[in-house]
N, C-alpha and C. Protein backbone atom coordinates (compact mmCIF):
# COMPACT_ATOMS: atom_id res chain seq x y z
N MET A 1 0.81 -1.17 0.00
CA MET A 1 0.00 0.00 0.00
C MET A 1 0.87 1.26 0.00
N THR A 2 1.94 1.24 0.74
CA THR A 2 2.83 2.39 0.77
C THR A 2 3.49 2.61 -0.57
N GLU A 3 3.75 1.50 -1.26
CA GLU A 3 4.33 1.64 -2.60
C GLU A 3 3.38 2.39 -3.53
N ARG A 4 2.11 2.05 -3.42
CA ARG A 4 1.10 2.69 -4.26
C ARG A 4 0.96 4.18 -3.89
N ASN A 5 0.96 4.50 -2.60
CA ASN A 5 0.88 5.89 -2.17
C ASN A 5 2.11 6.66 -2.63
N ASP A 6 3.27 6.00 -2.53
CA ASP A 6 4.49 6.66 -3.00
C ASP A 6 4.40 6.95 -4.51
N GLN A 7 3.87 5.98 -5.25
CA GLN A 7 3.73 6.14 -6.71
C GLN A 7 2.77 7.28 -7.03
N GLU A 8 1.63 7.33 -6.32
CA GLU A 8 0.65 8.39 -6.54
C GLU A 8 1.24 9.76 -6.21
N THR A 9 1.98 9.84 -5.12
CA THR A 9 2.61 11.10 -4.73
C THR A 9 3.63 11.52 -5.78
N GLU A 10 4.38 10.56 -6.28
CA GLU A 10 5.39 10.86 -7.31
C GLU A 10 4.71 11.32 -8.59
N ASP A 11 3.59 10.68 -8.99
CA ASP A 11 2.85 11.07 -10.19
C ASP A 11 2.28 12.48 -10.05
N LYS A 12 1.75 12.78 -8.84
CA LYS A 12 1.20 14.11 -8.60
C LYS A 12 2.31 15.17 -8.66
N GLY A 13 3.46 14.83 -8.15
CA GLY A 13 4.60 15.75 -8.17
C GLY A 13 5.06 16.03 -9.60
N GLN A 14 5.12 14.96 -10.42
CA GLN A 14 5.53 15.15 -11.82
C GLN A 14 4.48 15.95 -12.57
N SER A 15 3.24 15.70 -12.28
CA SER A 15 2.14 16.41 -12.91
C SER A 15 2.19 17.90 -12.54
N SER A 16 2.45 18.19 -11.28
CA SER A 16 2.56 19.58 -10.81
C SER A 16 3.75 20.26 -11.47
N ARG A 17 4.89 19.55 -11.59
CA ARG A 17 6.07 20.13 -12.24
C ARG A 17 5.79 20.41 -13.72
N ALA A 18 5.11 19.51 -14.39
CA ALA A 18 4.79 19.69 -15.81
C ALA A 18 3.86 20.89 -15.99
N LEU A 19 2.88 21.01 -15.10
CA LEU A 19 1.96 22.14 -15.15
C LEU A 19 2.71 23.45 -14.89
N ALA A 20 3.60 23.45 -13.91
CA ALA A 20 4.39 24.64 -13.59
C ALA A 20 5.29 25.02 -14.77
N GLN A 21 5.88 24.03 -15.43
CA GLN A 21 6.73 24.32 -16.59
C GLN A 21 5.90 24.90 -17.73
N ALA A 22 4.72 24.34 -17.98
CA ALA A 22 3.84 24.84 -19.04
C ALA A 22 3.41 26.27 -18.75
N LEU A 23 3.03 26.55 -17.50
CA LEU A 23 2.64 27.90 -17.12
C LEU A 23 3.82 28.87 -17.22
N GLY A 24 4.99 28.40 -16.88
CA GLY A 24 6.20 29.22 -17.00
C GLY A 24 6.48 29.58 -18.44
N LYS A 25 6.33 28.61 -19.35
CA LYS A 25 6.55 28.87 -20.78
C LYS A 25 5.50 29.85 -21.30
N LEU A 26 4.26 29.70 -20.88
CA LEU A 26 3.18 30.59 -21.30
C LEU A 26 3.44 32.02 -20.81
N ALA A 27 3.88 32.14 -19.56
CA ALA A 27 4.19 33.46 -19.00
C ALA A 27 5.36 34.09 -19.75
N ALA A 28 6.38 33.31 -20.09
CA ALA A 28 7.53 33.82 -20.82
C ALA A 28 7.10 34.31 -22.22
N LEU A 29 6.24 33.53 -22.87
CA LEU A 29 5.74 33.92 -24.19
C LEU A 29 4.95 35.22 -24.10
N ALA A 30 4.12 35.35 -23.08
CA ALA A 30 3.34 36.58 -22.90
C ALA A 30 4.27 37.78 -22.69
N LEU A 31 5.32 37.61 -21.92
CA LEU A 31 6.28 38.69 -21.70
C LEU A 31 6.98 39.10 -22.99
N VAL A 32 7.33 38.11 -23.81
CA VAL A 32 7.99 38.40 -25.09
C VAL A 32 7.04 39.19 -26.00
N VAL A 33 5.77 38.78 -26.06
CA VAL A 33 4.78 39.48 -26.89
C VAL A 33 4.61 40.92 -26.40
N ILE A 34 4.50 41.11 -25.10
CA ILE A 34 4.36 42.45 -24.54
C ILE A 34 5.59 43.29 -24.87
N ALA A 35 6.77 42.70 -24.75
CA ALA A 35 8.01 43.44 -25.06
C ALA A 35 8.04 43.86 -26.53
N VAL A 36 7.64 42.98 -27.42
CA VAL A 36 7.63 43.30 -28.86
C VAL A 36 6.64 44.44 -29.13
N ILE A 37 5.47 44.39 -28.52
CA ILE A 37 4.47 45.44 -28.72
C ILE A 37 5.01 46.78 -28.22
N LEU A 38 5.63 46.79 -27.06
CA LEU A 38 6.17 48.02 -26.50
C LEU A 38 7.30 48.57 -27.37
N ILE A 39 8.16 47.71 -27.85
CA ILE A 39 9.26 48.15 -28.71
C ILE A 39 8.70 48.74 -30.01
N GLU A 40 7.73 48.06 -30.60
CA GLU A 40 7.11 48.53 -31.83
C GLU A 40 6.47 49.90 -31.63
N ARG A 41 5.78 50.06 -30.52
CA ARG A 41 5.05 51.30 -30.28
C ARG A 41 5.96 52.47 -29.93
N TYR A 42 6.98 52.23 -29.11
CA TYR A 42 7.77 53.33 -28.59
C TYR A 42 9.17 53.47 -29.18
N CYS A 43 9.67 52.46 -29.85
CA CYS A 43 11.06 52.52 -30.31
C CYS A 43 11.23 52.59 -31.82
N VAL A 44 10.18 52.28 -32.59
CA VAL A 44 10.27 52.33 -34.04
C VAL A 44 9.95 53.75 -34.47
N PRO A 45 10.83 54.38 -35.23
CA PRO A 45 10.57 55.77 -35.63
C PRO A 45 9.35 55.86 -36.55
N LYS A 46 8.52 56.83 -36.31
CA LYS A 46 7.33 57.07 -37.13
C LYS A 46 7.75 57.93 -38.32
N PRO A 47 7.15 57.69 -39.50
CA PRO A 47 7.49 58.53 -40.65
C PRO A 47 7.05 59.96 -40.39
N VAL A 48 7.85 60.91 -40.83
CA VAL A 48 7.50 62.31 -40.64
C VAL A 48 6.44 62.70 -41.67
N PRO A 49 5.41 63.47 -41.26
CA PRO A 49 4.37 63.81 -42.22
C PRO A 49 4.87 64.77 -43.30
N PHE A 50 5.75 65.71 -42.93
CA PHE A 50 6.26 66.68 -43.89
C PHE A 50 7.74 66.89 -43.67
N GLY A 51 8.38 67.56 -44.62
CA GLY A 51 9.80 67.84 -44.50
C GLY A 51 10.58 67.18 -45.61
N PRO A 52 11.90 67.34 -45.60
CA PRO A 52 12.72 66.83 -46.70
C PRO A 52 12.68 65.31 -46.85
N ASP A 53 12.51 64.56 -45.77
CA ASP A 53 12.51 63.11 -45.86
C ASP A 53 11.11 62.51 -45.91
N ALA A 54 10.09 63.33 -45.95
CA ALA A 54 8.70 62.85 -45.91
C ALA A 54 8.31 62.19 -47.22
N LYS A 55 7.50 61.17 -47.11
CA LYS A 55 6.94 60.52 -48.29
C LYS A 55 5.51 61.03 -48.45
N ILE A 56 5.28 61.82 -49.47
CA ILE A 56 3.97 62.41 -49.74
C ILE A 56 3.50 61.88 -51.08
N GLU A 57 2.22 61.48 -51.16
CA GLU A 57 1.71 61.01 -52.45
C GLU A 57 0.35 61.64 -52.74
N ALA A 58 0.07 61.80 -54.02
CA ALA A 58 -1.24 62.28 -54.45
C ALA A 58 -2.16 61.08 -54.53
N ILE A 59 -3.32 61.18 -53.88
CA ILE A 59 -4.32 60.11 -53.95
C ILE A 59 -5.21 60.35 -55.16
N ASP A 60 -5.54 61.61 -55.39
CA ASP A 60 -6.31 62.03 -56.56
C ASP A 60 -5.92 63.47 -56.86
N GLY A 61 -6.73 64.20 -57.57
CA GLY A 61 -6.35 65.55 -57.97
C GLY A 61 -6.43 66.61 -56.89
N ASP A 62 -7.03 66.28 -55.74
CA ASP A 62 -7.13 67.28 -54.67
C ASP A 62 -6.88 66.71 -53.28
N THR A 63 -6.24 65.55 -53.19
CA THR A 63 -5.97 64.93 -51.89
C THR A 63 -4.56 64.37 -51.85
N LEU A 64 -3.86 64.64 -50.74
CA LEU A 64 -2.51 64.12 -50.51
C LEU A 64 -2.54 63.16 -49.32
N ARG A 65 -1.62 62.20 -49.32
CA ARG A 65 -1.43 61.33 -48.16
C ARG A 65 0.00 61.49 -47.70
N ALA A 66 0.16 61.84 -46.42
CA ALA A 66 1.49 62.03 -45.83
C ALA A 66 2.06 60.68 -45.39
N GLY A 67 3.34 60.67 -45.09
CA GLY A 67 4.04 59.45 -44.69
C GLY A 67 3.45 58.78 -43.47
N ASP A 68 2.79 59.54 -42.60
CA ASP A 68 2.19 58.95 -41.41
C ASP A 68 0.77 58.45 -41.66
N GLY A 69 0.30 58.52 -42.92
CA GLY A 69 -1.02 58.03 -43.27
C GLY A 69 -2.12 59.08 -43.23
N THR A 70 -1.82 60.27 -42.75
CA THR A 70 -2.82 61.34 -42.68
C THR A 70 -3.15 61.82 -44.09
N GLU A 71 -4.45 61.99 -44.35
CA GLU A 71 -4.88 62.49 -45.66
C GLU A 71 -5.22 63.97 -45.55
N TYR A 72 -4.79 64.72 -46.55
CA TYR A 72 -5.01 66.17 -46.61
C TYR A 72 -5.80 66.51 -47.86
N ARG A 73 -6.99 67.05 -47.68
CA ARG A 73 -7.82 67.53 -48.77
C ARG A 73 -7.42 68.98 -48.99
N ILE A 74 -7.03 69.32 -50.21
CA ILE A 74 -6.56 70.67 -50.49
C ILE A 74 -7.74 71.65 -50.41
N PHE A 75 -7.56 72.67 -49.60
CA PHE A 75 -8.58 73.67 -49.32
C PHE A 75 -8.98 74.46 -50.56
N GLY A 76 -10.28 74.70 -50.70
CA GLY A 76 -10.79 75.65 -51.68
C GLY A 76 -10.90 75.18 -53.11
N ILE A 77 -10.61 73.90 -53.37
CA ILE A 77 -10.68 73.41 -54.76
C ILE A 77 -11.49 72.12 -54.83
N ASP A 78 -11.90 71.80 -56.05
CA ASP A 78 -12.53 70.51 -56.34
C ASP A 78 -11.98 70.06 -57.69
N ALA A 79 -11.31 68.92 -57.69
CA ALA A 79 -10.72 68.39 -58.92
C ALA A 79 -11.58 67.25 -59.45
N PRO A 80 -11.51 66.98 -60.75
CA PRO A 80 -12.24 65.84 -61.29
C PRO A 80 -11.86 64.54 -60.57
N GLU A 81 -12.82 63.66 -60.41
CA GLU A 81 -12.58 62.38 -59.75
C GLU A 81 -11.72 61.48 -60.65
N LEU A 82 -11.03 60.53 -60.02
CA LEU A 82 -10.10 59.67 -60.78
C LEU A 82 -10.76 59.01 -61.99
N ARG A 83 -11.99 58.56 -61.86
CA ARG A 83 -12.66 57.85 -62.96
C ARG A 83 -13.41 58.80 -63.89
N GLN A 84 -13.32 60.09 -63.64
CA GLN A 84 -14.07 61.06 -64.43
C GLN A 84 -13.38 61.37 -65.75
N SER A 85 -14.18 61.47 -66.80
CA SER A 85 -13.69 61.88 -68.13
C SER A 85 -14.24 63.25 -68.47
N CYS A 86 -13.50 63.96 -69.28
CA CYS A 86 -13.93 65.26 -69.79
C CYS A 86 -13.88 65.18 -71.31
N SER A 87 -14.40 66.21 -71.98
CA SER A 87 -14.40 66.22 -73.46
C SER A 87 -13.55 67.36 -73.97
N GLU A 88 -12.79 67.06 -75.01
CA GLU A 88 -12.03 68.09 -75.72
C GLU A 88 -13.03 68.96 -76.49
N ALA A 89 -12.58 70.07 -77.04
CA ALA A 89 -13.44 70.94 -77.85
C ALA A 89 -14.02 70.18 -79.04
N ASN A 90 -13.26 69.20 -79.58
CA ASN A 90 -13.73 68.42 -80.72
C ASN A 90 -14.62 67.24 -80.30
N GLY A 91 -14.90 67.11 -78.99
CA GLY A 91 -15.77 66.05 -78.50
C GLY A 91 -15.04 64.79 -78.05
N LYS A 92 -13.75 64.71 -78.30
CA LYS A 92 -12.97 63.54 -77.91
C LYS A 92 -12.83 63.49 -76.38
N SER A 93 -13.04 62.31 -75.82
CA SER A 93 -12.99 62.13 -74.37
C SER A 93 -11.54 61.97 -73.88
N TRP A 94 -11.26 62.52 -72.70
CA TRP A 94 -9.94 62.33 -72.09
C TRP A 94 -10.12 62.13 -70.59
N LEU A 95 -9.18 61.46 -69.96
CA LEU A 95 -9.27 61.11 -68.54
C LEU A 95 -8.78 62.27 -67.67
N CYS A 96 -9.66 63.25 -67.50
CA CYS A 96 -9.27 64.46 -66.76
C CYS A 96 -9.02 64.18 -65.28
N GLY A 97 -9.68 63.20 -64.69
CA GLY A 97 -9.42 62.86 -63.28
C GLY A 97 -8.02 62.32 -63.09
N ARG A 98 -7.59 61.45 -63.99
CA ARG A 98 -6.22 60.93 -63.94
C ARG A 98 -5.21 62.04 -64.22
N ALA A 99 -5.56 62.92 -65.14
CA ALA A 99 -4.65 64.03 -65.47
C ALA A 99 -4.50 64.97 -64.26
N ALA A 100 -5.58 65.20 -63.50
CA ALA A 100 -5.50 66.05 -62.31
C ALA A 100 -4.59 65.43 -61.26
N LYS A 101 -4.70 64.12 -61.08
CA LYS A 101 -3.80 63.44 -60.13
C LYS A 101 -2.35 63.55 -60.61
N ALA A 102 -2.12 63.35 -61.90
CA ALA A 102 -0.77 63.44 -62.45
C ALA A 102 -0.20 64.85 -62.26
N LYS A 103 -1.04 65.86 -62.44
CA LYS A 103 -0.58 67.25 -62.26
C LYS A 103 -0.20 67.50 -60.80
N LEU A 104 -1.03 67.03 -59.86
CA LEU A 104 -0.70 67.20 -58.44
C LEU A 104 0.59 66.45 -58.09
N THR A 105 0.75 65.25 -58.64
CA THR A 105 1.97 64.48 -58.42
C THR A 105 3.20 65.25 -58.92
N THR A 106 3.07 65.86 -60.08
CA THR A 106 4.17 66.67 -60.64
C THR A 106 4.48 67.87 -59.75
N LEU A 107 3.44 68.52 -59.25
CA LEU A 107 3.65 69.71 -58.41
C LEU A 107 4.36 69.38 -57.10
N ILE A 108 4.15 68.19 -56.54
CA ILE A 108 4.78 67.84 -55.26
C ILE A 108 6.12 67.13 -55.42
N LYS A 109 6.49 66.83 -56.67
CA LYS A 109 7.75 66.11 -56.94
C LYS A 109 8.97 66.87 -56.41
N GLY A 110 8.92 68.18 -56.41
CA GLY A 110 10.04 68.99 -55.94
C GLY A 110 10.30 68.83 -54.45
N GLY A 111 9.36 68.23 -53.74
CA GLY A 111 9.52 67.98 -52.31
C GLY A 111 9.18 69.18 -51.46
N ASN A 112 9.61 69.13 -50.22
CA ASN A 112 9.37 70.18 -49.24
C ASN A 112 7.89 70.55 -49.15
N VAL A 113 7.02 69.53 -49.16
CA VAL A 113 5.58 69.74 -49.07
C VAL A 113 5.22 70.10 -47.63
N ASN A 114 4.32 71.07 -47.51
CA ASN A 114 3.85 71.48 -46.19
C ASN A 114 2.38 71.84 -46.30
N CYS A 115 1.60 71.48 -45.28
CA CYS A 115 0.17 71.81 -45.26
C CYS A 115 -0.18 72.47 -43.95
N VAL A 116 -1.00 73.50 -44.04
CA VAL A 116 -1.49 74.20 -42.85
C VAL A 116 -2.99 73.92 -42.75
N SER A 117 -3.37 73.27 -41.67
CA SER A 117 -4.75 72.82 -41.47
C SER A 117 -5.73 73.99 -41.36
N ARG A 118 -6.89 73.81 -42.00
CA ARG A 118 -7.97 74.80 -41.91
C ARG A 118 -9.21 74.20 -41.25
N ALA A 119 -9.43 72.88 -41.45
CA ALA A 119 -10.65 72.22 -40.94
C ALA A 119 -10.51 70.71 -41.11
N THR A 120 -11.56 69.99 -40.77
CA THR A 120 -11.64 68.55 -41.01
C THR A 120 -12.93 68.30 -41.79
N ASP A 121 -12.86 67.49 -42.86
CA ASP A 121 -14.07 67.23 -43.65
C ASP A 121 -14.85 66.05 -43.09
N ARG A 122 -15.96 65.74 -43.71
CA ARG A 122 -16.85 64.68 -43.22
C ARG A 122 -16.24 63.29 -43.32
N TYR A 123 -15.16 63.14 -44.07
CA TYR A 123 -14.48 61.85 -44.18
C TYR A 123 -13.30 61.75 -43.21
N GLY A 124 -13.11 62.77 -42.38
CA GLY A 124 -12.02 62.76 -41.40
C GLY A 124 -10.69 63.25 -41.94
N ARG A 125 -10.69 63.73 -43.17
CA ARG A 125 -9.46 64.26 -43.75
C ARG A 125 -9.23 65.68 -43.26
N THR A 126 -7.97 66.04 -43.14
CA THR A 126 -7.61 67.41 -42.79
C THR A 126 -7.73 68.26 -44.05
N VAL A 127 -8.49 69.34 -43.97
CA VAL A 127 -8.60 70.28 -45.08
C VAL A 127 -7.53 71.33 -44.84
N ALA A 128 -6.64 71.51 -45.83
CA ALA A 128 -5.47 72.34 -45.59
C ALA A 128 -5.03 73.10 -46.83
N VAL A 129 -4.37 74.21 -46.59
CA VAL A 129 -3.69 74.94 -47.66
C VAL A 129 -2.29 74.34 -47.71
N CYS A 130 -1.91 73.83 -48.87
CA CYS A 130 -0.63 73.11 -48.99
C CYS A 130 0.29 73.80 -50.00
N SER A 131 1.58 73.63 -49.75
CA SER A 131 2.60 74.18 -50.65
C SER A 131 3.65 73.12 -50.90
N ALA A 132 4.48 73.36 -51.89
CA ALA A 132 5.60 72.47 -52.22
C ALA A 132 6.74 73.34 -52.72
N GLU A 133 7.90 72.76 -52.90
CA GLU A 133 9.07 73.49 -53.38
C GLU A 133 8.72 74.22 -54.68
N GLY A 134 8.80 75.56 -54.67
CA GLY A 134 8.51 76.36 -55.86
C GLY A 134 7.03 76.57 -56.14
N VAL A 135 6.15 76.03 -55.30
CA VAL A 135 4.71 76.16 -55.50
C VAL A 135 4.10 76.64 -54.17
N PRO A 136 3.91 77.94 -54.03
CA PRO A 136 3.45 78.46 -52.74
C PRO A 136 2.05 78.01 -52.34
N ASP A 137 1.18 77.68 -53.31
CA ASP A 137 -0.18 77.24 -53.02
C ASP A 137 -0.59 76.20 -54.06
N LEU A 138 -0.63 74.94 -53.65
CA LEU A 138 -0.97 73.87 -54.59
C LEU A 138 -2.38 74.04 -55.16
N GLY A 139 -3.32 74.47 -54.33
CA GLY A 139 -4.69 74.67 -54.79
C GLY A 139 -4.78 75.70 -55.90
N GLU A 140 -4.12 76.81 -55.70
CA GLU A 140 -4.13 77.87 -56.72
C GLU A 140 -3.47 77.37 -58.01
N ALA A 141 -2.36 76.64 -57.89
CA ALA A 141 -1.67 76.13 -59.08
C ALA A 141 -2.55 75.16 -59.86
N LEU A 142 -3.26 74.29 -59.18
CA LEU A 142 -4.14 73.34 -59.86
C LEU A 142 -5.28 74.05 -60.57
N VAL A 143 -5.86 75.05 -59.92
CA VAL A 143 -6.96 75.81 -60.54
C VAL A 143 -6.43 76.62 -61.72
N ARG A 144 -5.31 77.30 -61.54
CA ARG A 144 -4.73 78.15 -62.60
C ARG A 144 -4.36 77.32 -63.84
N ASP A 145 -3.93 76.06 -63.62
CA ASP A 145 -3.56 75.19 -64.75
C ASP A 145 -4.76 74.44 -65.33
N GLY A 146 -5.95 74.63 -64.72
CA GLY A 146 -7.16 74.03 -65.28
C GLY A 146 -7.40 72.59 -64.86
N TYR A 147 -6.81 72.14 -63.76
CA TYR A 147 -7.01 70.76 -63.31
C TYR A 147 -7.90 70.67 -62.07
N ALA A 148 -8.45 71.81 -61.66
CA ALA A 148 -9.40 71.86 -60.56
C ALA A 148 -10.20 73.14 -60.72
N ILE A 149 -11.34 73.19 -60.01
CA ILE A 149 -12.15 74.41 -60.03
C ILE A 149 -12.16 75.01 -58.63
N ASP A 150 -12.46 76.30 -58.59
CA ASP A 150 -12.62 76.99 -57.31
C ASP A 150 -13.86 76.39 -56.64
N LEU A 151 -13.72 75.97 -55.39
CA LEU A 151 -14.81 75.27 -54.70
C LEU A 151 -15.97 76.18 -54.36
N GLY A 152 -15.70 77.42 -54.01
CA GLY A 152 -16.79 78.32 -53.62
C GLY A 152 -17.42 77.85 -52.32
N GLY A 153 -18.70 78.13 -52.13
CA GLY A 153 -19.42 77.69 -50.93
C GLY A 153 -18.80 78.23 -49.66
N ALA A 154 -18.66 77.37 -48.65
CA ALA A 154 -18.13 77.77 -47.35
C ALA A 154 -16.67 78.24 -47.46
N ALA A 155 -15.97 77.78 -48.49
CA ALA A 155 -14.58 78.17 -48.67
C ALA A 155 -14.47 79.61 -49.19
N GLY A 156 -15.60 80.19 -49.59
CA GLY A 156 -15.55 81.49 -50.25
C GLY A 156 -15.17 81.23 -51.70
N ASN A 157 -14.47 82.10 -52.30
CA ASN A 157 -13.98 81.89 -53.66
C ASN A 157 -12.51 82.26 -53.70
N PRO A 158 -11.67 81.45 -53.00
CA PRO A 158 -10.26 81.83 -52.90
C PRO A 158 -9.52 81.83 -54.23
N TYR A 159 -10.02 81.06 -55.19
CA TYR A 159 -9.27 80.92 -56.44
C TYR A 159 -10.11 81.34 -57.66
N ALA A 160 -11.07 82.22 -57.45
CA ALA A 160 -11.93 82.66 -58.55
C ALA A 160 -11.12 83.30 -59.67
N GLY A 161 -10.12 84.12 -59.31
CA GLY A 161 -9.28 84.76 -60.32
C GLY A 161 -8.47 83.75 -61.12
N ALA A 162 -7.91 82.75 -60.43
CA ALA A 162 -7.14 81.71 -61.11
C ALA A 162 -8.03 80.89 -62.03
N GLU A 163 -9.27 80.65 -61.59
CA GLU A 163 -10.21 79.89 -62.42
C GLU A 163 -10.58 80.68 -63.68
N ALA A 164 -10.84 81.97 -63.53
CA ALA A 164 -11.18 82.81 -64.69
C ALA A 164 -10.02 82.84 -65.69
N GLU A 165 -8.80 82.89 -65.16
CA GLU A 165 -7.61 82.88 -66.03
C GLU A 165 -7.50 81.56 -66.80
N ALA A 166 -7.70 80.44 -66.11
CA ALA A 166 -7.63 79.12 -66.76
C ALA A 166 -8.72 78.98 -67.82
N GLN A 167 -9.93 79.46 -67.48
CA GLN A 167 -11.04 79.36 -68.41
C GLN A 167 -10.78 80.19 -69.67
N ALA A 168 -10.29 81.41 -69.49
CA ALA A 168 -10.01 82.30 -70.63
C ALA A 168 -8.91 81.71 -71.52
N ALA A 169 -7.91 81.08 -70.90
CA ALA A 169 -6.80 80.50 -71.66
C ALA A 169 -7.10 79.08 -72.15
N LYS A 170 -8.27 78.56 -71.80
CA LYS A 170 -8.69 77.19 -72.18
C LYS A 170 -7.66 76.14 -71.75
N ARG A 171 -7.26 76.23 -70.48
CA ARG A 171 -6.30 75.27 -69.92
C ARG A 171 -7.04 74.10 -69.28
N GLY A 172 -6.42 72.93 -69.37
CA GLY A 172 -6.93 71.75 -68.68
C GLY A 172 -8.37 71.44 -69.03
N ILE A 173 -9.23 71.33 -68.01
CA ILE A 173 -10.63 70.95 -68.23
C ILE A 173 -11.41 72.02 -68.99
N TRP A 174 -10.87 73.24 -69.04
CA TRP A 174 -11.56 74.33 -69.73
C TRP A 174 -11.34 74.29 -71.24
N ARG A 175 -10.52 73.37 -71.74
CA ARG A 175 -10.29 73.32 -73.19
C ARG A 175 -11.43 72.63 -73.93
N GLY A 176 -12.41 72.15 -73.20
CA GLY A 176 -13.58 71.52 -73.80
C GLY A 176 -14.74 71.63 -72.82
N THR A 177 -15.45 70.53 -72.62
CA THR A 177 -16.57 70.53 -71.67
C THR A 177 -16.30 69.49 -70.59
N PHE A 178 -16.90 69.75 -69.43
CA PHE A 178 -16.75 68.81 -68.31
C PHE A 178 -17.94 68.96 -67.38
N GLN A 179 -18.14 67.92 -66.62
CA GLN A 179 -19.16 67.94 -65.58
C GLN A 179 -18.48 68.37 -64.28
N ARG A 180 -19.10 69.29 -63.56
CA ARG A 180 -18.51 69.72 -62.28
C ARG A 180 -18.27 68.46 -61.44
N PRO A 181 -17.12 68.37 -60.75
CA PRO A 181 -16.83 67.17 -59.96
C PRO A 181 -17.94 66.80 -58.97
N SER A 182 -18.57 67.80 -58.34
CA SER A 182 -19.65 67.49 -57.39
C SER A 182 -20.84 66.88 -58.11
N ASP A 183 -21.15 67.35 -59.31
CA ASP A 183 -22.25 66.78 -60.09
C ASP A 183 -21.90 65.36 -60.55
N TRP A 184 -20.64 65.16 -60.95
CA TRP A 184 -20.20 63.84 -61.39
C TRP A 184 -20.29 62.83 -60.23
N ARG A 185 -19.88 63.25 -59.02
CA ARG A 185 -19.97 62.36 -57.85
C ARG A 185 -21.41 61.99 -57.54
N GLN A 186 -22.31 62.96 -57.69
CA GLN A 186 -23.72 62.69 -57.42
C GLN A 186 -24.28 61.70 -58.44
N ALA A 187 -23.87 61.82 -59.69
CA ALA A 187 -24.35 60.92 -60.75
C ALA A 187 -23.65 59.55 -60.71
N ASN A 188 -22.47 59.49 -60.06
CA ASN A 188 -21.68 58.26 -60.01
C ASN A 188 -21.28 57.98 -58.56
N PRO A 189 -22.25 57.61 -57.70
CA PRO A 189 -21.91 57.41 -56.28
C PRO A 189 -20.92 56.27 -56.08
N ARG A 190 -20.10 56.42 -55.03
CA ARG A 190 -19.12 55.37 -54.69
C ARG A 190 -19.86 54.10 -54.31
N SER A 191 -19.30 52.98 -54.69
CA SER A 191 -19.87 51.70 -54.27
C SER A 191 -19.01 51.18 -53.12
N GLU A 192 -19.44 51.48 -51.88
CA GLU A 192 -18.66 51.10 -50.70
C GLU A 192 -19.33 50.02 -49.94
């Protein structure tokens, strides 16, 4: 009988040791995971939103995305949507939305992009007046070159003069006919 009790005690001891080892391994794994999360959060450098080393990209003709993921809607303008087409004076269709994005991409290529916040739009984007190397106001440049229109409305008409100049010179979308971007969006709602 004592042999059996000794065996049971030994089995319970081994079982307890195995359980303690398993719990120890689980605790060690949890500590490693916590350490990795803390290192990732506090020790990995975040991309700078602006400046010489910043990665800035044009999402469309009137929106930028900074290196930290923040989106900036350029204040006071409305550019054709990416899928929007416009018509030349001869009736030939051209991809004015893609052209507006390409123009914005060209304007920011010089680097040194900076945006000054004015508001936040309904999509959570920062509405801002933005500049780039050699381009003091991206919004004005896009409107003056005919790749966006003056937004008007709550923004006032900050680029009405630039729009009149583009229209008179038949630049960009003014060289033919186009649907106002807001009207195009209403007729072609996003499928989300």
